[in-house]
Structure formats: C-alpha cells, structure tokens
Amino acid sequence: RVALVGLSAGGAGALQAALHSPPARFRGLVLVSGAFPQLERVEPLRHTRVFVLHGIDDPRCPSDRAQRMAEWMRGQGLQVDVRFEEG
C-alpha cells in the first residue's frame, strides 16, 4: 500500500482520491499546507492515517481552517496527526 501526498490544492485532490478509492487502499494521506474541500463524509478513510503539515502563517490556506478540519476528522473517528510550522 502507498501513501498519497498533496501540496496546497493538491491536498484537496489527494483527499478526494482517497475518499473515492476502496477503503484501506492507502496506508496514509499527507496534506501539506492543504486546501481542504468541504466534506460531508470520511468513512472510507477510517483505516488510513492522516498527517496534516501546515504553516502557521500560510496566507493562502489559513492554519485555523486546517486545525478545524483536523479536529472534525478526528471527531469522525479518523486517526489524524497535525504539525504546524512557523515561517
């Protein structure tokens, strides 16, 4: 199994690809300063580790949105690790 990695708008693409693949197909999903689409369901990702790496001062994709999305995904039962970097 492989991990999907998406940078900026590619994060939204990686997330959508993982959601529309068979459950547990991907070992992990890495979103680097990802632009998060509006999500209604994340059940297909219950067996996929999600890692969010985001810049605190990102002017295009605000870090507070990344934090809210990570918290929402955790609330849906996903294993989500988050790391915020300065600069």
N, C-alpha and C. Protein backbone atom coordinates (compact mmCIF):
# COMPACT_ATOMS: atom_id res chain seq x y z
N ARG A 1 0.84 -1.19 0.00
CA ARG A 1 0.00 0.00 0.00
C ARG A 1 0.87 1.23 0.00
N VAL A 2 0.34 2.32 -0.51
CA VAL A 2 1.08 3.56 -0.65
C VAL A 2 0.38 4.67 0.12
N ALA A 3 1.09 5.76 0.28
CA ALA A 3 0.52 6.96 0.88
C ALA A 3 0.33 8.01 -0.20
N LEU A 4 -0.72 8.75 -0.11
CA LEU A 4 -0.95 9.88 -1.02
C LEU A 4 -0.45 11.14 -0.33
N VAL A 5 0.19 12.00 -1.10
CA VAL A 5 0.68 13.28 -0.57
C VAL A 5 0.18 14.38 -1.49
N GLY A 6 -0.37 15.42 -0.89
CA GLY A 6 -0.85 16.54 -1.67
C GLY A 6 -0.37 17.85 -1.07
N LEU A 7 0.10 18.74 -1.93
CA LEU A 7 0.57 20.06 -1.53
C LEU A 7 -0.42 21.11 -1.98
N SER A 8 -0.86 21.97 -1.08
CA SER A 8 -1.78 23.06 -1.36
C SER A 8 -3.07 22.51 -1.99
N ALA A 9 -3.43 22.95 -3.19
CA ALA A 9 -4.66 22.45 -3.83
C ALA A 9 -4.55 20.96 -4.11
N GLY A 10 -3.33 20.45 -4.22
CA GLY A 10 -3.14 19.01 -4.39
C GLY A 10 -3.59 18.23 -3.17
N GLY A 11 -3.62 18.89 -2.00
CA GLY A 11 -4.14 18.25 -0.80
C GLY A 11 -5.61 17.90 -0.96
N ALA A 12 -6.36 18.82 -1.55
CA ALA A 12 -7.78 18.56 -1.80
C ALA A 12 -7.93 17.41 -2.79
N GLY A 13 -7.08 17.38 -3.80
CA GLY A 13 -7.13 16.30 -4.78
C GLY A 13 -6.77 14.95 -4.17
N ALA A 14 -5.74 14.93 -3.34
CA ALA A 14 -5.34 13.68 -2.67
C ALA A 14 -6.45 13.20 -1.74
N LEU A 15 -7.06 14.14 -1.03
CA LEU A 15 -8.14 13.79 -0.12
C LEU A 15 -9.33 13.20 -0.88
N GLN A 16 -9.69 13.83 -1.99
CA GLN A 16 -10.81 13.32 -2.79
C GLN A 16 -10.48 11.95 -3.40
N ALA A 17 -9.24 11.77 -3.86
CA ALA A 17 -8.83 10.48 -4.43
C ALA A 17 -8.93 9.38 -3.37
N ALA A 18 -8.48 9.67 -2.16
CA ALA A 18 -8.55 8.68 -1.09
C ALA A 18 -10.00 8.37 -0.72
N LEU A 19 -10.85 9.39 -0.71
CA LEU A 19 -12.26 9.17 -0.37
C LEU A 19 -12.99 8.34 -1.41
N HIS A 20 -12.55 8.40 -2.66
CA HIS A 20 -13.24 7.68 -3.73
C HIS A 20 -12.54 6.38 -4.11
N SER A 21 -11.64 5.92 -3.29
CA SER A 21 -10.95 4.65 -3.50
C SER A 21 -11.51 3.62 -2.53
N PRO A 22 -11.25 2.35 -2.79
CA PRO A 22 -11.73 1.34 -1.84
C PRO A 22 -11.16 1.61 -0.44
N PRO A 23 -11.94 1.34 0.60
CA PRO A 23 -11.45 1.56 1.97
C PRO A 23 -10.12 0.85 2.23
N ALA A 24 -9.26 1.51 2.97
CA ALA A 24 -7.95 0.97 3.39
C ALA A 24 -7.01 0.73 2.22
N ARG A 25 -7.28 1.31 1.06
CA ARG A 25 -6.38 1.13 -0.08
C ARG A 25 -5.05 1.84 0.15
N PHE A 26 -5.10 3.01 0.78
CA PHE A 26 -3.90 3.79 1.01
C PHE A 26 -3.48 3.69 2.47
N ARG A 27 -2.21 3.52 2.68
CA ARG A 27 -1.67 3.41 4.04
C ARG A 27 -1.76 4.75 4.77
N GLY A 28 -1.55 5.83 4.04
CA GLY A 28 -1.58 7.14 4.66
C GLY A 28 -1.96 8.22 3.68
N LEU A 29 -2.32 9.35 4.25
CA LEU A 29 -2.67 10.53 3.48
C LEU A 29 -1.96 11.70 4.14
N VAL A 30 -1.14 12.41 3.38
CA VAL A 30 -0.37 13.54 3.90
C VAL A 30 -0.83 14.80 3.18
N LEU A 31 -1.25 15.78 3.97
CA LEU A 31 -1.72 17.05 3.41
C LEU A 31 -0.76 18.14 3.85
N VAL A 32 -0.01 18.69 2.90
CA VAL A 32 0.99 19.71 3.18
C VAL A 32 0.43 21.06 2.78
N SER A 33 0.16 21.90 3.78
CA SER A 33 -0.48 23.20 3.54
C SER A 33 -1.68 23.03 2.62
N GLY A 34 -2.47 22.02 2.93
CA GLY A 34 -3.57 21.64 2.06
C GLY A 34 -4.73 22.59 2.07
N ALA A 35 -5.34 22.70 0.89
CA ALA A 35 -6.61 23.41 0.75
C ALA A 35 -7.68 22.35 0.96
N PHE A 36 -8.48 22.51 2.00
CA PHE A 36 -9.45 21.48 2.35
C PHE A 36 -10.79 21.75 1.70
N PRO A 37 -11.31 20.77 0.97
CA PRO A 37 -12.65 20.93 0.41
C PRO A 37 -13.69 20.74 1.50
N GLN A 38 -14.90 21.15 1.23
CA GLN A 38 -15.99 20.91 2.16
C GLN A 38 -16.30 19.42 2.14
N LEU A 39 -16.28 18.78 3.28
CA LEU A 39 -16.52 17.34 3.36
C LEU A 39 -17.79 17.05 4.14
N GLU A 40 -18.50 16.02 3.70
CA GLU A 40 -19.67 15.58 4.44
C GLU A 40 -19.44 14.22 5.06
N ARG A 41 -18.54 13.43 4.48
CA ARG A 41 -18.29 12.09 5.00
C ARG A 41 -16.82 11.74 4.82
N VAL A 42 -16.32 10.94 5.73
CA VAL A 42 -14.92 10.50 5.64
C VAL A 42 -14.78 9.02 5.99
N GLU A 43 -15.88 8.28 6.02
CA GLU A 43 -15.84 6.88 6.40
C GLU A 43 -14.81 6.05 5.65
N PRO A 44 -14.60 6.26 4.34
CA PRO A 44 -13.60 5.45 3.64
C PRO A 44 -12.17 5.61 4.18
N LEU A 45 -11.93 6.65 4.97
CA LEU A 45 -10.58 6.90 5.49
C LEU A 45 -10.37 6.38 6.91
N ARG A 46 -11.31 5.64 7.45
CA ARG A 46 -11.20 5.19 8.84
C ARG A 46 -9.97 4.33 9.12
N HIS A 47 -9.43 3.68 8.10
CA HIS A 47 -8.24 2.84 8.29
C HIS A 47 -7.01 3.45 7.63
N THR A 48 -7.07 4.74 7.36
CA THR A 48 -5.96 5.45 6.73
C THR A 48 -5.44 6.50 7.71
N ARG A 49 -4.14 6.50 7.95
CA ARG A 49 -3.56 7.53 8.81
C ARG A 49 -3.48 8.83 8.03
N VAL A 50 -3.86 9.92 8.66
CA VAL A 50 -3.84 11.23 8.03
C VAL A 50 -2.84 12.11 8.78
N PHE A 51 -1.96 12.75 8.02
CA PHE A 51 -0.99 13.66 8.62
C PHE A 51 -1.16 15.02 7.96
N VAL A 52 -1.39 16.04 8.77
CA VAL A 52 -1.55 17.41 8.29
C VAL A 52 -0.32 18.20 8.70
N LEU A 53 0.40 18.72 7.73
CA LEU A 53 1.56 19.58 7.96
C LEU A 53 1.21 20.94 7.37
N HIS A 54 1.24 21.97 8.21
CA HIS A 54 0.74 23.26 7.75
C HIS A 54 1.57 24.40 8.32
N GLY A 55 1.75 25.44 7.54
CA GLY A 55 2.44 26.64 8.01
C GLY A 55 1.49 27.52 8.80
N ILE A 56 1.93 27.99 9.95
CA ILE A 56 1.08 28.82 10.80
C ILE A 56 0.65 30.10 10.08
N ASP A 57 1.57 30.69 9.31
CA ASP A 57 1.28 31.97 8.66
C ASP A 57 0.95 31.82 7.17
N ASP A 58 0.46 30.68 6.77
CA ASP A 58 0.13 30.43 5.36
C ASP A 58 -0.95 31.43 4.92
N PRO A 59 -0.64 32.31 3.94
CA PRO A 59 -1.61 33.33 3.54
C PRO A 59 -2.72 32.79 2.63
N ARG A 60 -2.50 31.65 1.99
CA ARG A 60 -3.50 31.13 1.05
C ARG A 60 -4.44 30.12 1.68
N CYS A 61 -3.91 29.32 2.58
CA CYS A 61 -4.71 28.30 3.26
C CYS A 61 -4.54 28.53 4.76
N PRO A 62 -5.43 29.27 5.39
CA PRO A 62 -5.25 29.61 6.80
C PRO A 62 -5.12 28.39 7.71
N SER A 63 -4.21 28.50 8.66
CA SER A 63 -3.94 27.37 9.56
C SER A 63 -5.14 27.06 10.46
N ASP A 64 -5.95 28.06 10.78
CA ASP A 64 -7.11 27.77 11.63
C ASP A 64 -8.10 26.86 10.92
N ARG A 65 -8.21 26.99 9.61
CA ARG A 65 -9.08 26.08 8.84
C ARG A 65 -8.52 24.67 8.88
N ALA A 66 -7.22 24.53 8.74
CA ALA A 66 -6.59 23.21 8.81
C ALA A 66 -6.83 22.58 10.18
N GLN A 67 -6.72 23.38 11.23
CA GLN A 67 -6.94 22.87 12.58
C GLN A 67 -8.39 22.43 12.77
N ARG A 68 -9.33 23.23 12.31
CA ARG A 68 -10.75 22.86 12.43
C ARG A 68 -11.06 21.59 11.65
N MET A 69 -10.48 21.47 10.45
CA MET A 69 -10.72 20.28 9.64
C MET A 69 -10.14 19.04 10.31
N ALA A 70 -8.94 19.16 10.85
CA ALA A 70 -8.31 18.02 11.54
C ALA A 70 -9.16 17.60 12.74
N GLU A 71 -9.66 18.56 13.50
CA GLU A 71 -10.49 18.24 14.66
C GLU A 71 -11.80 17.59 14.23
N TRP A 72 -12.38 18.08 13.15
CA TRP A 72 -13.61 17.49 12.64
C TRP A 72 -13.36 16.04 12.20
N MET A 73 -12.26 15.81 11.48
CA MET A 73 -11.95 14.44 11.03
C MET A 73 -11.72 13.52 12.22
N ARG A 74 -11.05 14.00 13.26
CA ARG A 74 -10.88 13.19 14.48
C ARG A 74 -12.23 12.85 15.08
N GLY A 75 -13.12 13.82 15.09
CA GLY A 75 -14.46 13.59 15.63
C GLY A 75 -15.25 12.56 14.84
N GLN A 76 -14.84 12.34 13.59
CA GLN A 76 -15.47 11.34 12.74
C GLN A 76 -14.80 9.97 12.88
N GLY A 77 -13.82 9.88 13.78
CA GLY A 77 -13.17 8.61 14.05
C GLY A 77 -11.88 8.36 13.29
N LEU A 78 -11.34 9.38 12.61
CA LEU A 78 -10.10 9.20 11.87
C LEU A 78 -8.89 9.42 12.76
N GLN A 79 -7.80 8.76 12.42
CA GLN A 79 -6.53 8.97 13.12
C GLN A 79 -5.81 10.10 12.39
N VAL A 80 -5.74 11.27 13.00
CA VAL A 80 -5.17 12.46 12.37
C VAL A 80 -4.08 13.04 13.25
N ASP A 81 -2.88 13.18 12.68
CA ASP A 81 -1.78 13.87 13.35
C ASP A 81 -1.60 15.20 12.67
N VAL A 82 -1.34 16.24 13.47
CA VAL A 82 -1.18 17.60 12.94
C VAL A 82 0.14 18.19 13.44
N ARG A 83 0.80 18.89 12.53
CA ARG A 83 2.01 19.60 12.91
C ARG A 83 1.98 20.97 12.21
N PHE A 84 2.13 22.01 13.01
CA PHE A 84 2.19 23.35 12.47
C PHE A 84 3.61 23.86 12.56
N GLU A 85 4.06 24.47 11.48
CA GLU A 85 5.41 25.01 11.40
C GLU A 85 5.35 26.53 11.25
N GLU A 86 6.29 27.22 11.86
CA GLU A 86 6.37 28.67 11.67
C GLU A 86 7.15 28.98 10.41
N GLY A 87 6.80 30.11 9.82
CA GLY A 87 7.54 30.56 8.65
C GLY A 87 6.86 30.30 7.36
